[in-house]
């Protein structure tokens, strides 16, 4: 029986390979155009961030953090952490990573939040999406990194697409959870006052689900940062490049410093995104 099963193997790998080859042959111009547009957009954002002097960026960022959160500790801590990154010599790589993370998060949120809202209003849609989201979160990254690399070539584009695939389930799931958890009496009250579906969404459901949606965005940022090293393997650059270089040359010092820069950036983004959510919850209560 075992021999019969292995002998009659389904040619899934052959089918996928033929499908990707067909896309490469028939849509080469399209994929080249997409790669050029996305790559030039991210490069423009990176150049803009790198054109700002490090000290000026740190001062403005710390002031913005204090203005948003009214936390002197968070503001000073963020400034000192960014100064440490600049002191270690990874400022330019950090700006590249920040550009990639912001771009991937923006794409994931723009696509994921509407899908999560639609899935919350249509249970059958979430039933269809659930195994797909599980697959996107559990499948090894290199499995879908290979076809994206073949289709779009080396550079930041396959890294961005792989990052989006890995990070987008978070906003979809948590948006669905937040919209589904809106108290029924709030929706019934809105319907009693004659609110339309659009008014219910914008004035009742989204404000009530905002803390959960913000948690999904924060998780999306963290997942995007976790893909930095993987994206560097296909030419995305950023802080993942010195990590890969240190791995190849067994350079413990370089690997630790670059890894520390990634951790610092993750902590800063996590604190900046989470604190407004808590403050809004406390005000609402």
Protein backbone atom coordinates (compact mmCIF):
# COMPACT_ATOMS: atom_id res chain seq x y z
CA UNK A 1 0.00 0.00 0.00
CA UNK A 2 2.79 2.44 0.89
CA UNK A 3 4.61 1.66 -2.34
CA UNK A 4 1.41 2.19 -4.34
CA UNK A 5 0.82 5.58 -2.67
CA UNK A 6 4.34 6.82 -3.32
CA UNK A 7 4.32 5.48 -6.88
CA UNK A 8 1.14 7.41 -7.73
CA UNK A 9 2.42 10.74 -6.38
CA UNK A 10 0.43 13.83 -7.35
CA UNK A 11 2.65 16.13 -9.47
CA UNK A 12 1.87 19.24 -7.42
CA UNK A 13 5.41 20.57 -7.70
CA UNK A 14 5.37 20.11 -11.47
CA UNK A 15 2.04 21.92 -11.75
CA UNK A 16 3.24 24.88 -9.68
CA UNK A 17 6.49 25.05 -11.63
CA UNK A 18 4.59 25.03 -14.92
CA UNK A 19 2.23 27.74 -13.64
CA UNK A 20 5.09 30.02 -12.56
CA UNK A 21 6.91 29.39 -15.86
CA UNK A 22 3.76 30.32 -17.76
CA UNK A 23 3.45 33.55 -15.77
CA UNK A 24 7.09 34.35 -16.40
CA UNK A 25 6.79 33.78 -20.15
CA UNK A 26 3.46 35.52 -20.75
CA UNK A 27 3.58 38.31 -18.17
CA UNK A 28 7.24 39.32 -18.19
CA UNK A 29 6.46 42.91 -19.23
CA UNK A 30 3.77 43.26 -16.58
CA UNK A 31 5.97 41.96 -13.77
CA UNK A 32 8.86 44.14 -14.90
CA UNK A 33 6.59 47.19 -14.83
CA UNK A 34 5.27 46.33 -11.37
CA UNK A 35 8.80 45.74 -10.12
CA UNK A 36 9.94 49.09 -11.52
CA UNK A 37 7.04 51.05 -10.01
CA UNK A 38 7.23 49.46 -6.56
CA UNK A 39 11.01 49.49 -6.47
CA UNK A 40 11.27 53.15 -7.48
CA UNK A 41 8.61 54.14 -4.93
CA UNK A 42 10.40 52.43 -2.05
CA UNK A 43 13.76 53.77 -3.23
CA UNK A 44 12.31 57.30 -3.25
CA UNK A 45 11.06 56.93 0.32
CA UNK A 46 14.43 55.52 1.38
CA UNK A 47 16.34 58.36 -0.27
CA UNK A 48 14.05 60.89 1.41
CA UNK A 49 14.64 59.37 4.84
CA UNK A 50 18.38 59.11 4.30
CA UNK A 51 18.56 62.73 3.10
CA UNK A 52 17.43 63.93 6.54
CA UNK A 53 20.40 64.33 8.91
CA UNK A 54 20.32 61.74 11.67
CA UNK A 55 20.37 64.29 14.49
CA UNK A 56 17.56 66.32 12.94
CA UNK A 57 15.46 63.19 12.41
CA UNK A 58 15.99 62.10 16.03
CA UNK A 59 15.02 65.52 17.42
CA UNK A 60 11.88 65.77 15.30
CA UNK A 61 10.92 62.17 16.06
CA UNK A 62 11.37 62.63 19.80
CA UNK A 63 9.32 65.84 19.72
CA UNK A 64 6.56 64.08 17.76
CA UNK A 65 6.53 61.20 20.24
CA UNK A 66 6.19 63.63 23.16
CA UNK A 67 3.44 65.55 21.38
CA UNK A 68 1.49 62.37 20.67
CA UNK A 69 1.93 60.61 24.01
CA UNK A 70 2.90 63.31 26.51
CA UNK A 71 5.52 60.91 27.87
CA UNK A 72 8.93 62.39 28.55
CA UNK A 73 10.36 58.95 29.33
CA UNK A 74 9.23 57.52 25.99
CA UNK A 75 10.47 60.57 24.09
CA UNK A 76 13.94 60.58 25.70
CA UNK A 77 14.20 56.79 25.48
CA UNK A 78 13.38 56.83 21.77
CA UNK A 79 15.96 59.57 21.14
CA UNK A 80 18.69 57.72 23.05
CA UNK A 81 17.88 54.45 21.26
CA UNK A 82 18.09 56.11 17.85
CA UNK A 83 21.33 57.82 18.87
CA UNK A 84 22.74 54.40 19.72
CA UNK A 85 21.84 53.10 16.26
CA UNK A 86 23.53 56.11 14.66
CA UNK A 87 26.59 55.62 16.88
CA UNK A 88 26.89 51.98 15.82
CA UNK A 89 26.96 53.08 12.17
CA UNK A 90 23.69 51.49 11.06
CA UNK A 91 21.65 54.66 10.48
CA UNK A 92 21.44 54.33 6.68
CA UNK A 93 20.51 50.64 6.95
CA UNK A 94 17.90 51.50 9.58
CA UNK A 95 16.28 54.01 7.23
CA UNK A 96 16.16 51.35 4.50
CA UNK A 97 14.52 48.93 6.91
CA UNK A 98 12.07 51.59 8.13
CA UNK A 99 11.10 52.35 4.54
CA UNK A 100 10.45 48.66 3.81
CA UNK A 101 8.50 48.13 7.05
CA UNK A 102 6.34 51.24 6.55
CA UNK A 103 5.60 50.29 2.94
CA UNK A 104 4.75 46.69 3.80
CA UNK A 105 2.57 47.76 6.74
CA UNK A 106 0.74 50.34 4.64
CA UNK A 107 0.00 47.80 1.89
CA UNK A 108 -1.08 45.18 4.45
CA UNK A 109 -3.41 47.62 6.23
CA UNK A 110 -4.93 49.04 3.04
CA UNK A 111 -5.71 45.52 1.81
CA UNK A 112 -6.23 43.69 5.11
CA UNK A 113 -8.59 46.01 7.00
CA UNK A 114 -11.29 46.11 4.27
CA UNK A 115 -11.04 42.33 3.88
CA UNK A 116 -11.43 41.93 7.66
CA UNK A 117 -14.49 44.19 7.64
CA UNK A 118 -16.04 42.24 4.77
CA UNK A 119 -15.29 38.94 6.51
CA UNK A 120 -16.94 40.18 9.73
CA UNK A 121 -20.12 41.07 7.83
CA UNK A 122 -20.08 37.84 5.80
CA UNK A 123 -19.28 34.77 7.93
CA UNK A 124 -18.97 32.54 4.86
CA UNK A 125 -16.13 34.73 3.60
CA UNK A 126 -14.14 34.29 6.80
CA UNK A 127 -14.75 30.54 6.60
CA UNK A 128 -13.13 30.59 3.15
CA UNK A 129 -10.31 32.91 4.27
CA UNK A 130 -9.37 31.05 7.45
CA UNK A 131 -7.40 28.17 5.84
CA UNK A 132 -5.76 30.62 3.43
CA UNK A 133 -4.63 32.83 6.33
CA UNK A 134 -3.37 29.78 8.20
CA UNK A 135 -1.38 28.77 5.12
CA UNK A 136 0.11 32.26 4.72
CA UNK A 137 1.26 32.32 8.35
CA UNK A 138 2.61 28.78 8.60
CA UNK A 139 4.15 28.01 5.21
CA UNK A 140 7.95 28.48 5.21
CA UNK A 141 8.91 31.85 3.81
CA UNK A 142 11.31 30.47 1.23
CA UNK A 143 8.48 28.51 -0.42
CA UNK A 144 6.79 31.64 -1.77
CA UNK A 145 10.05 33.62 -1.86
CA UNK A 146 11.26 31.46 -4.77
CA UNK A 147 8.39 32.28 -7.21
CA UNK A 148 8.41 35.98 -6.25
CA UNK A 149 12.14 36.05 -6.89
CA UNK A 150 11.65 34.44 -10.29
CA UNK A 151 8.82 36.78 -11.26
CA UNK A 152 10.26 40.09 -9.98
CA UNK A 153 14.02 39.47 -9.85
CA UNK A 154 16.49 40.51 -7.18
CA UNK A 155 15.76 43.67 -5.23
CA UNK A 156 13.36 45.13 -2.73
CA UNK A 157 10.18 44.06 -4.56
CA UNK A 158 10.24 40.30 -3.80
CA UNK A 159 11.19 41.18 -0.22
CA UNK A 160 8.21 43.54 0.05
CA UNK A 161 5.78 41.02 -1.45
CA UNK A 162 7.00 38.24 0.84
CA UNK A 163 6.72 40.56 3.82
CA UNK A 164 3.15 41.49 2.90
CA UNK A 165 2.16 37.84 2.47
CA UNK A 166 3.57 37.03 5.91
CA UNK A 167 2.17 40.11 7.72
CA UNK A 168 -1.26 40.67 6.16
CA UNK A 169 -3.11 37.92 8.09
CA UNK A 170 -2.70 39.94 11.32
CA UNK A 171 -4.81 42.97 10.28
CA UNK A 172 -7.35 40.71 8.59
CA UNK A 173 -7.84 38.51 11.65
CA UNK A 174 -7.89 41.30 14.24
CA UNK A 175 -10.13 43.56 12.15
CA UNK A 176 -12.55 40.66 11.81
CA UNK A 177 -12.34 40.07 15.56
CA UNK A 178 -12.89 43.74 16.42
CA UNK A 179 -15.87 44.23 14.10
CA UNK A 180 -17.44 40.93 15.19
CA UNK A 181 -17.08 41.90 18.86
CA UNK A 182 -18.99 45.18 18.55
CA UNK A 183 -21.83 45.05 21.11
CA UNK A 184 -25.15 44.23 19.50
CA UNK A 185 -27.00 46.89 21.45
CA UNK A 186 -24.87 49.61 19.85
CA UNK A 187 -25.74 48.40 16.37
CA UNK A 188 -29.41 48.07 17.32
CA UNK A 189 -29.41 51.60 18.70
CA UNK A 190 -27.91 52.91 15.47
CA UNK A 191 -30.47 51.05 13.40
CA UNK A 192 -33.25 52.39 15.61
CA UNK A 193 -32.14 55.94 14.79
CA UNK A 194 -32.19 55.14 11.07
CA UNK A 195 -28.46 54.82 10.45
CA UNK A 196 -27.42 53.37 7.12
CA UNK A 197 -24.90 50.54 6.80
CA UNK A 198 -22.19 53.04 5.95
CA UNK A 199 -23.03 55.16 9.00
CA UNK A 200 -23.07 52.09 11.22
CA UNK A 201 -19.62 51.16 9.96
CA UNK A 202 -17.95 54.56 10.30
CA UNK A 203 -19.68 55.85 13.43
CA UNK A 204 -20.25 52.71 15.50
CA UNK A 205 -18.33 49.64 14.35
CA UNK A 206 -14.95 51.16 13.49
CA UNK A 207 -14.70 53.38 16.62
CA UNK A 208 -15.65 50.43 18.82
CA UNK A 209 -13.22 48.07 17.07
CA UNK A 210 -10.37 50.62 16.81
CA UNK A 211 -8.28 49.26 19.75
CA UNK A 212 -8.35 45.76 18.25
CA UNK A 213 -7.55 47.08 14.77
CA UNK A 214 -4.62 49.06 16.21
CA UNK A 215 -3.36 45.87 17.85
CA UNK A 216 -3.49 44.21 14.43
CA UNK A 217 -1.49 47.07 12.89
CA UNK A 218 1.11 46.83 15.66
CA UNK A 219 1.40 43.09 15.15
CA UNK A 220 1.72 43.70 11.41
CA UNK A 221 4.68 46.02 12.05
CA UNK A 222 6.38 43.42 14.23
CA UNK A 223 5.84 40.69 11.65
CA UNK A 224 7.24 42.96 8.94
CA UNK A 225 10.35 43.59 11.02
CA UNK A 226 10.79 39.86 11.53
CA UNK A 227 11.11 39.53 7.75
CA UNK A 228 14.03 41.96 7.48
CA UNK A 229 16.70 39.26 7.30
CA UNK A 230 14.68 37.16 4.85
CA UNK A 231 14.18 40.18 2.58
CA UNK A 232 17.92 40.87 2.65
CA UNK A 233 18.56 37.45 1.12
CA UNK A 234 16.87 38.62 -2.10
CA UNK A 235 18.58 42.00 -2.25
CA UNK A 236 16.23 44.19 -0.19
CA UNK A 237 19.04 45.73 1.86
CA UNK A 238 18.52 47.32 5.25
CA UNK A 239 19.53 45.90 8.61
CA UNK A 240 19.15 42.37 7.34
CA UNK A 241 22.17 42.76 5.04
CA UNK A 242 24.79 43.08 7.82
CA UNK A 243 23.11 40.18 9.64
CA UNK A 244 23.46 37.97 6.55
CA UNK A 245 27.03 39.20 6.01
CA UNK A 246 27.89 38.45 9.65
CA UNK A 247 26.37 34.98 9.28
CA UNK A 248 28.45 34.23 6.20
CA UNK A 249 31.68 35.47 7.79
CA UNK A 250 30.87 34.26 11.35
CA UNK A 251 31.30 37.84 12.61
CA UNK A 252 29.71 37.80 16.07
CA UNK A 253 30.19 41.51 16.71
CA UNK A 254 28.56 42.65 13.48
CA UNK A 255 25.68 40.22 13.89
CA UNK A 256 25.01 41.38 17.46
CA UNK A 257 25.12 45.08 16.57
CA UNK A 258 22.81 44.72 13.56
CA UNK A 259 20.46 42.48 15.52
CA UNK A 260 20.42 45.03 18.37
CA UNK A 261 19.48 47.77 15.88
CA UNK A 262 16.55 45.65 14.66
CA UNK A 263 15.39 45.05 18.24
CA UNK A 264 15.64 48.77 19.09
CA UNK A 265 13.62 49.73 16.02
CA UNK A 266 10.99 47.10 16.86
CA UNK A 267 10.66 48.31 20.46
CA UNK A 268 10.33 51.96 19.40
CA UNK A 269 7.64 51.21 16.81
CA UNK A 270 5.81 48.93 19.23
CA UNK A 271 5.71 51.53 22.01
CA UNK A 272 4.76 54.38 19.70
CA UNK A 273 1.86 52.42 18.19
CA UNK A 274 0.53 50.83 21.38
CA UNK A 275 0.40 53.77 23.77
CA UNK A 276 -2.15 55.83 21.82
CA UNK A 277 -4.47 52.82 21.87
CA UNK A 278 -4.29 52.55 25.65
CA UNK A 279 -4.82 56.27 26.05
CA UNK A 280 -7.90 56.21 23.83
CA UNK A 281 -9.30 53.27 25.80
CA UNK A 282 -8.75 55.09 29.11
CA UNK A 283 -10.42 58.24 27.77
CA UNK A 284 -13.39 56.28 26.47
CA UNK A 285 -13.82 54.59 29.84
